[in-house]
N, C-alpha and C. Protein backbone atom coordinates (compact mmCIF):
# COMPACT_ATOMS: atom_id res chain seq x y z
N UNK A 1 15.11 244.99 184.76
CA UNK A 1 15.12 246.10 185.70
C UNK A 1 16.10 247.20 185.28
N UNK A 2 16.96 246.92 184.31
CA UNK A 2 17.87 247.95 183.84
C UNK A 2 17.10 249.11 183.19
N UNK A 3 16.01 248.77 182.48
CA UNK A 3 15.19 249.81 181.87
C UNK A 3 14.56 250.70 182.93
N UNK A 4 14.09 250.10 184.02
CA UNK A 4 13.50 250.88 185.12
C UNK A 4 14.55 251.81 185.72
N UNK A 5 15.77 251.32 185.87
CA UNK A 5 16.85 252.15 186.41
C UNK A 5 17.15 253.32 185.47
N UNK A 6 17.13 253.06 184.17
CA UNK A 6 17.38 254.13 183.19
C UNK A 6 16.29 255.19 183.26
N UNK A 7 15.05 254.75 183.43
CA UNK A 7 13.93 255.69 183.56
C UNK A 7 14.09 256.54 184.82
N UNK A 8 14.48 255.90 185.91
CA UNK A 8 14.70 256.61 187.17
C UNK A 8 15.79 257.69 187.00
N UNK A 9 16.83 257.38 186.27
CA UNK A 9 17.91 258.36 186.02
C UNK A 9 17.38 259.54 185.21
N UNK A 10 16.58 259.27 184.20
CA UNK A 10 16.01 260.35 183.38
C UNK A 10 15.13 261.24 184.26
N UNK A 11 14.31 260.64 185.09
CA UNK A 11 13.46 261.43 185.98
C UNK A 11 14.28 262.30 186.92
N UNK A 12 15.37 261.77 187.44
CA UNK A 12 16.23 262.56 188.33
C UNK A 12 16.84 263.75 187.59
N UNK A 13 17.24 263.53 186.34
CA UNK A 13 17.83 264.61 185.57
C UNK A 13 16.84 265.75 185.35
N UNK A 14 15.57 265.41 185.22
CA UNK A 14 14.53 266.42 185.00
C UNK A 14 13.66 266.58 186.25
N UNK A 15 14.29 266.57 187.40
CA UNK A 15 13.59 266.57 188.69
C UNK A 15 12.62 267.74 188.86
N UNK A 16 12.99 268.91 188.44
CA UNK A 16 12.15 270.08 188.66
C UNK A 16 11.28 270.41 187.45
N UNK A 17 11.17 269.49 186.51
CA UNK A 17 10.44 269.75 185.26
C UNK A 17 9.10 269.01 185.23
N UNK A 18 8.16 269.53 184.46
CA UNK A 18 6.84 268.90 184.36
C UNK A 18 6.85 267.69 183.41
N UNK A 19 7.43 266.62 183.88
CA UNK A 19 7.55 265.39 183.09
C UNK A 19 6.67 264.32 183.74
N UNK A 20 5.94 263.58 182.91
CA UNK A 20 5.13 262.45 183.40
C UNK A 20 5.61 261.20 182.68
N UNK A 21 5.68 260.12 183.41
CA UNK A 21 6.11 258.83 182.87
C UNK A 21 5.00 257.82 183.10
N UNK A 22 4.67 257.09 182.06
CA UNK A 22 3.72 255.99 182.17
C UNK A 22 4.49 254.71 181.88
N UNK A 23 4.58 253.86 182.87
CA UNK A 23 5.29 252.59 182.75
C UNK A 23 4.24 251.49 182.62
N UNK A 24 4.36 250.72 181.55
CA UNK A 24 3.42 249.63 181.32
C UNK A 24 4.19 248.32 181.42
N UNK A 25 3.88 247.56 182.46
CA UNK A 25 4.47 246.24 182.63
C UNK A 25 3.54 245.26 181.92
N UNK A 26 4.10 244.33 181.17
CA UNK A 26 3.25 243.40 180.44
C UNK A 26 3.77 241.98 180.49
N UNK A 27 2.90 241.07 180.16
CA UNK A 27 3.24 239.66 180.16
C UNK A 27 3.92 239.30 178.85
N UNK A 28 5.24 239.11 178.90
CA UNK A 28 6.01 238.78 177.70
C UNK A 28 6.74 237.45 177.87
N UNK A 29 7.45 237.34 178.96
CA UNK A 29 8.23 236.13 179.23
C UNK A 29 7.35 235.08 179.93
N UNK A 30 7.71 233.81 179.83
CA UNK A 30 6.92 232.77 180.50
C UNK A 30 6.79 232.99 182.01
N UNK A 31 7.73 233.72 182.61
CA UNK A 31 7.68 233.99 184.06
C UNK A 31 6.80 235.19 184.40
N UNK A 32 6.28 235.89 183.40
CA UNK A 32 5.45 237.08 183.61
C UNK A 32 3.97 236.72 183.76
N UNK A 33 3.65 235.84 184.67
CA UNK A 33 2.28 235.39 184.81
C UNK A 33 1.49 236.20 185.84
N UNK A 34 2.15 237.10 186.53
CA UNK A 34 1.45 237.92 187.52
C UNK A 34 1.97 239.35 187.46
N UNK A 35 1.21 240.29 188.02
CA UNK A 35 1.65 241.69 188.04
C UNK A 35 3.02 241.82 188.72
N UNK A 36 3.73 242.90 188.41
CA UNK A 36 5.03 243.11 189.06
C UNK A 36 4.87 243.25 190.57
N UNK A 37 5.88 242.78 191.28
CA UNK A 37 5.87 242.85 192.74
C UNK A 37 6.07 244.29 193.21
N UNK A 38 5.79 244.51 194.47
CA UNK A 38 6.02 245.83 195.07
C UNK A 38 7.48 246.22 194.93
N UNK A 39 8.36 245.25 195.09
CA UNK A 39 9.79 245.50 194.94
C UNK A 39 10.13 245.96 193.52
N UNK A 40 9.56 245.31 192.53
CA UNK A 40 9.79 245.69 191.13
C UNK A 40 9.25 247.09 190.88
N UNK A 41 8.04 247.35 191.33
CA UNK A 41 7.45 248.68 191.14
C UNK A 41 8.28 249.76 191.83
N UNK A 42 8.91 249.41 192.94
CA UNK A 42 9.75 250.34 193.68
C UNK A 42 11.00 250.75 192.93
N UNK A 43 11.32 250.06 191.85
CA UNK A 43 12.47 250.43 191.02
C UNK A 43 12.30 251.78 190.36
N UNK A 44 11.04 252.21 190.23
CA UNK A 44 10.74 253.56 189.72
C UNK A 44 9.91 254.22 190.81
N UNK A 45 10.57 254.98 191.64
CA UNK A 45 9.92 255.53 192.83
C UNK A 45 9.44 256.97 192.68
N UNK A 46 9.80 257.63 191.60
CA UNK A 46 9.41 259.03 191.39
C UNK A 46 7.89 259.14 191.29
N UNK A 47 7.32 260.12 191.98
CA UNK A 47 5.87 260.30 192.01
C UNK A 47 5.29 260.70 190.66
N UNK A 48 6.11 261.15 189.74
CA UNK A 48 5.61 261.53 188.41
C UNK A 48 5.41 260.32 187.51
N UNK A 49 5.76 259.16 188.00
CA UNK A 49 5.60 257.92 187.24
C UNK A 49 4.34 257.19 187.68
N UNK A 50 3.53 256.80 186.71
CA UNK A 50 2.36 255.95 186.96
C UNK A 50 2.67 254.60 186.33
N UNK A 51 2.41 253.52 187.07
CA UNK A 51 2.76 252.19 186.58
C UNK A 51 1.51 251.33 186.45
N UNK A 52 1.44 250.58 185.37
CA UNK A 52 0.28 249.77 185.06
C UNK A 52 0.69 248.35 184.69
N UNK A 53 -0.17 247.41 184.97
CA UNK A 53 0.02 246.01 184.58
C UNK A 53 -0.91 245.73 183.40
N UNK A 54 -0.36 245.32 182.29
CA UNK A 54 -1.09 245.06 181.05
C UNK A 54 -0.94 243.59 180.70
N UNK A 55 -1.69 242.76 181.38
CA UNK A 55 -1.56 241.30 181.25
C UNK A 55 -1.73 240.83 179.80
N UNK A 56 -2.64 241.46 179.07
CA UNK A 56 -2.94 241.01 177.72
C UNK A 56 -2.22 241.81 176.63
N UNK A 57 -1.26 242.63 177.02
CA UNK A 57 -0.42 243.42 176.11
C UNK A 57 -1.26 244.32 175.18
N UNK A 58 -2.29 244.94 175.72
CA UNK A 58 -3.14 245.80 174.92
C UNK A 58 -2.37 246.99 174.34
N UNK A 59 -1.50 247.59 175.15
CA UNK A 59 -0.70 248.71 174.67
C UNK A 59 0.26 248.24 173.57
N UNK A 60 0.88 247.11 173.76
CA UNK A 60 1.77 246.55 172.74
C UNK A 60 1.01 246.35 171.43
N UNK A 61 -0.21 245.82 171.51
CA UNK A 61 -1.02 245.62 170.30
C UNK A 61 -1.30 246.95 169.61
N UNK A 62 -1.61 247.98 170.39
CA UNK A 62 -1.88 249.30 169.81
C UNK A 62 -0.65 249.87 169.10
N UNK A 63 0.54 249.47 169.59
CA UNK A 63 1.78 250.01 169.03
C UNK A 63 2.39 249.11 167.94
N UNK A 64 1.65 248.08 167.51
CA UNK A 64 2.12 247.30 166.38
C UNK A 64 2.39 245.83 166.63
N UNK A 65 2.12 245.33 167.82
CA UNK A 65 2.31 243.91 168.13
C UNK A 65 1.29 243.09 167.35
N UNK A 66 1.78 242.19 166.48
CA UNK A 66 0.89 241.32 165.71
C UNK A 66 1.06 239.85 166.08
N UNK A 67 2.22 239.51 166.65
CA UNK A 67 2.48 238.13 167.04
C UNK A 67 3.64 238.13 168.03
N UNK A 68 4.07 236.96 168.47
CA UNK A 68 5.15 236.86 169.47
C UNK A 68 6.46 237.48 168.99
N UNK A 69 6.64 237.64 167.69
CA UNK A 69 7.88 238.21 167.15
C UNK A 69 7.85 239.73 167.04
N UNK A 70 6.68 240.32 167.18
CA UNK A 70 6.57 241.78 167.04
C UNK A 70 6.12 242.47 168.32
N UNK A 71 6.26 241.81 169.46
CA UNK A 71 5.86 242.40 170.74
C UNK A 71 6.64 243.69 170.98
N UNK A 72 5.92 244.72 171.36
CA UNK A 72 6.55 246.00 171.68
C UNK A 72 6.77 246.00 173.20
N UNK A 73 8.03 245.83 173.59
CA UNK A 73 8.37 245.81 175.02
C UNK A 73 9.78 246.34 175.18
N UNK A 74 10.14 246.68 176.42
CA UNK A 74 11.42 247.33 176.69
C UNK A 74 11.61 248.47 175.71
N UNK A 75 10.60 249.30 175.65
CA UNK A 75 10.46 250.35 174.64
C UNK A 75 10.14 251.66 175.34
N UNK A 76 10.64 252.75 174.78
CA UNK A 76 10.33 254.07 175.33
C UNK A 76 9.84 254.95 174.19
N UNK A 77 8.82 255.73 174.49
CA UNK A 77 8.30 256.70 173.54
C UNK A 77 8.14 258.03 174.26
N UNK A 78 8.57 259.10 173.63
CA UNK A 78 8.49 260.44 174.21
C UNK A 78 7.50 261.24 173.38
N UNK A 79 6.51 261.79 174.06
CA UNK A 79 5.46 262.57 173.39
C UNK A 79 5.50 264.01 173.89
N UNK A 80 5.09 264.95 173.03
CA UNK A 80 4.98 266.33 173.48
C UNK A 80 3.91 266.43 174.58
N UNK A 81 3.99 267.44 175.43
CA UNK A 81 3.06 267.56 176.57
C UNK A 81 1.58 267.59 176.19
N UNK A 82 1.21 268.18 175.08
CA UNK A 82 -0.20 268.34 174.75
C UNK A 82 -0.83 267.11 174.09
N UNK A 83 -0.07 266.10 173.84
CA UNK A 83 -0.57 264.92 173.13
C UNK A 83 -1.33 263.99 174.06
N UNK A 84 -2.49 263.52 173.59
CA UNK A 84 -3.23 262.48 174.30
C UNK A 84 -3.55 261.37 173.30
N UNK A 85 -3.61 260.16 173.82
CA UNK A 85 -3.98 259.01 172.98
C UNK A 85 -5.49 258.94 172.89
N UNK A 86 -6.04 259.22 171.73
CA UNK A 86 -7.48 259.16 171.54
C UNK A 86 -7.87 258.09 170.54
N UNK A 87 -7.01 257.81 169.60
CA UNK A 87 -7.33 256.92 168.50
C UNK A 87 -6.25 255.86 168.32
N UNK A 88 -6.55 254.94 167.43
CA UNK A 88 -5.57 253.93 167.02
C UNK A 88 -5.20 254.27 165.59
N UNK A 89 -3.98 254.31 165.20
CA UNK A 89 -2.79 254.07 166.01
C UNK A 89 -2.51 255.24 166.96
N UNK A 90 -1.58 255.02 167.89
CA UNK A 90 -1.21 256.10 168.82
C UNK A 90 -0.66 257.30 168.06
N UNK A 91 -0.65 258.46 168.70
CA UNK A 91 -0.08 259.65 168.06
C UNK A 91 1.41 259.46 167.79
N UNK A 92 1.94 260.26 166.91
CA UNK A 92 3.36 260.17 166.57
C UNK A 92 4.21 260.66 167.74
N UNK A 93 5.20 259.89 168.07
CA UNK A 93 6.11 260.24 169.17
C UNK A 93 7.24 261.13 168.64
N UNK A 94 7.77 261.97 169.53
CA UNK A 94 8.98 262.73 169.18
C UNK A 94 10.15 261.78 169.01
N UNK A 95 10.15 260.75 169.84
CA UNK A 95 11.20 259.73 169.79
C UNK A 95 10.62 258.43 170.31
N UNK A 96 11.07 257.31 169.72
CA UNK A 96 10.74 256.01 170.27
C UNK A 96 11.82 255.01 169.89
N UNK A 97 12.08 254.09 170.79
CA UNK A 97 13.09 253.08 170.55
C UNK A 97 13.28 252.18 171.75
N UNK A 98 14.18 251.27 171.64
CA UNK A 98 14.47 250.34 172.72
C UNK A 98 15.62 249.45 172.31
N UNK A 99 16.11 248.65 173.21
CA UNK A 99 15.77 248.55 174.62
C UNK A 99 16.05 249.85 175.37
N UNK A 100 15.26 250.10 176.38
CA UNK A 100 15.30 251.38 177.10
C UNK A 100 16.71 251.74 177.55
N UNK A 101 17.43 250.80 178.13
CA UNK A 101 18.76 251.10 178.66
C UNK A 101 19.72 251.54 177.55
N UNK A 102 19.53 251.05 176.34
CA UNK A 102 20.42 251.41 175.23
C UNK A 102 20.05 252.73 174.56
N UNK A 103 18.82 253.18 174.72
CA UNK A 103 18.38 254.40 174.04
C UNK A 103 18.05 255.52 175.02
N UNK A 104 18.47 255.39 176.26
CA UNK A 104 18.17 256.40 177.27
C UNK A 104 18.70 257.77 176.88
N UNK A 105 19.86 257.82 176.26
CA UNK A 105 20.42 259.11 175.85
C UNK A 105 19.55 259.81 174.82
N UNK A 106 19.08 259.08 173.83
CA UNK A 106 18.21 259.66 172.81
C UNK A 106 16.86 260.08 173.42
N UNK A 107 16.35 259.26 174.33
CA UNK A 107 15.09 259.60 175.00
C UNK A 107 15.26 260.86 175.84
N UNK A 108 16.38 260.95 176.55
CA UNK A 108 16.68 262.13 177.37
C UNK A 108 16.72 263.38 176.49
N UNK A 109 17.34 263.29 175.31
CA UNK A 109 17.42 264.42 174.39
C UNK A 109 16.03 264.81 173.89
N UNK A 110 15.17 263.83 173.64
CA UNK A 110 13.80 264.12 173.19
C UNK A 110 12.99 264.79 174.29
N UNK A 111 13.16 264.36 175.53
CA UNK A 111 12.47 265.00 176.66
C UNK A 111 12.93 266.46 176.76
N UNK A 112 14.22 266.68 176.66
CA UNK A 112 14.76 268.04 176.71
C UNK A 112 14.18 268.90 175.59
N UNK A 113 14.11 268.33 174.39
CA UNK A 113 13.55 269.04 173.23
C UNK A 113 12.08 269.39 173.48
N UNK A 114 11.31 268.46 174.02
CA UNK A 114 9.89 268.72 174.30
C UNK A 114 9.73 269.82 175.34
N UNK A 115 10.57 269.80 176.34
CA UNK A 115 10.49 270.84 177.38
C UNK A 115 10.85 272.21 176.85
N UNK A 116 11.87 272.28 175.98
CA UNK A 116 12.25 273.56 175.37
C UNK A 116 11.13 274.09 174.50
N UNK A 117 10.51 273.24 173.71
CA UNK A 117 9.41 273.67 172.84
C UNK A 117 8.25 274.19 173.66
N UNK A 118 7.99 273.58 174.81
CA UNK A 118 6.90 274.01 175.68
C UNK A 118 7.19 275.36 176.29
N UNK A 119 8.45 275.59 176.69
CA UNK A 119 8.77 276.86 177.34
C UNK A 119 8.82 278.02 176.35
N UNK A 120 9.00 277.72 175.06
CA UNK A 120 9.03 278.77 174.03
C UNK A 120 7.63 279.19 173.64
N UNK A 121 6.69 278.24 173.68
CA UNK A 121 5.30 278.51 173.24
C UNK A 121 4.63 279.55 174.08
């Protein structure tokens, strides 16, 4: 839940900005046998966040998960506003890393960079 808290802080910092967050909860740990609870989902309450349950780790597989040792989780990727995922592999991110709580500063800087580039265009 520390990653969710870090995401919530980033969203608050960019409260008036056109930022969208996609949170993908996935089955990684042996206790992850069901979708996140309402309480867990409430950890990210900002309306700009959309949250999904990915039981079979499809997004992780798209991002390079090949086995239990390469699972992509507790990860953040920042994309420019005009980017959409159409193909495999996913488009190149401005920034990506994890665990989320440890890289929140770099992610925040990438979001700021993306917003500046958008306002200049």
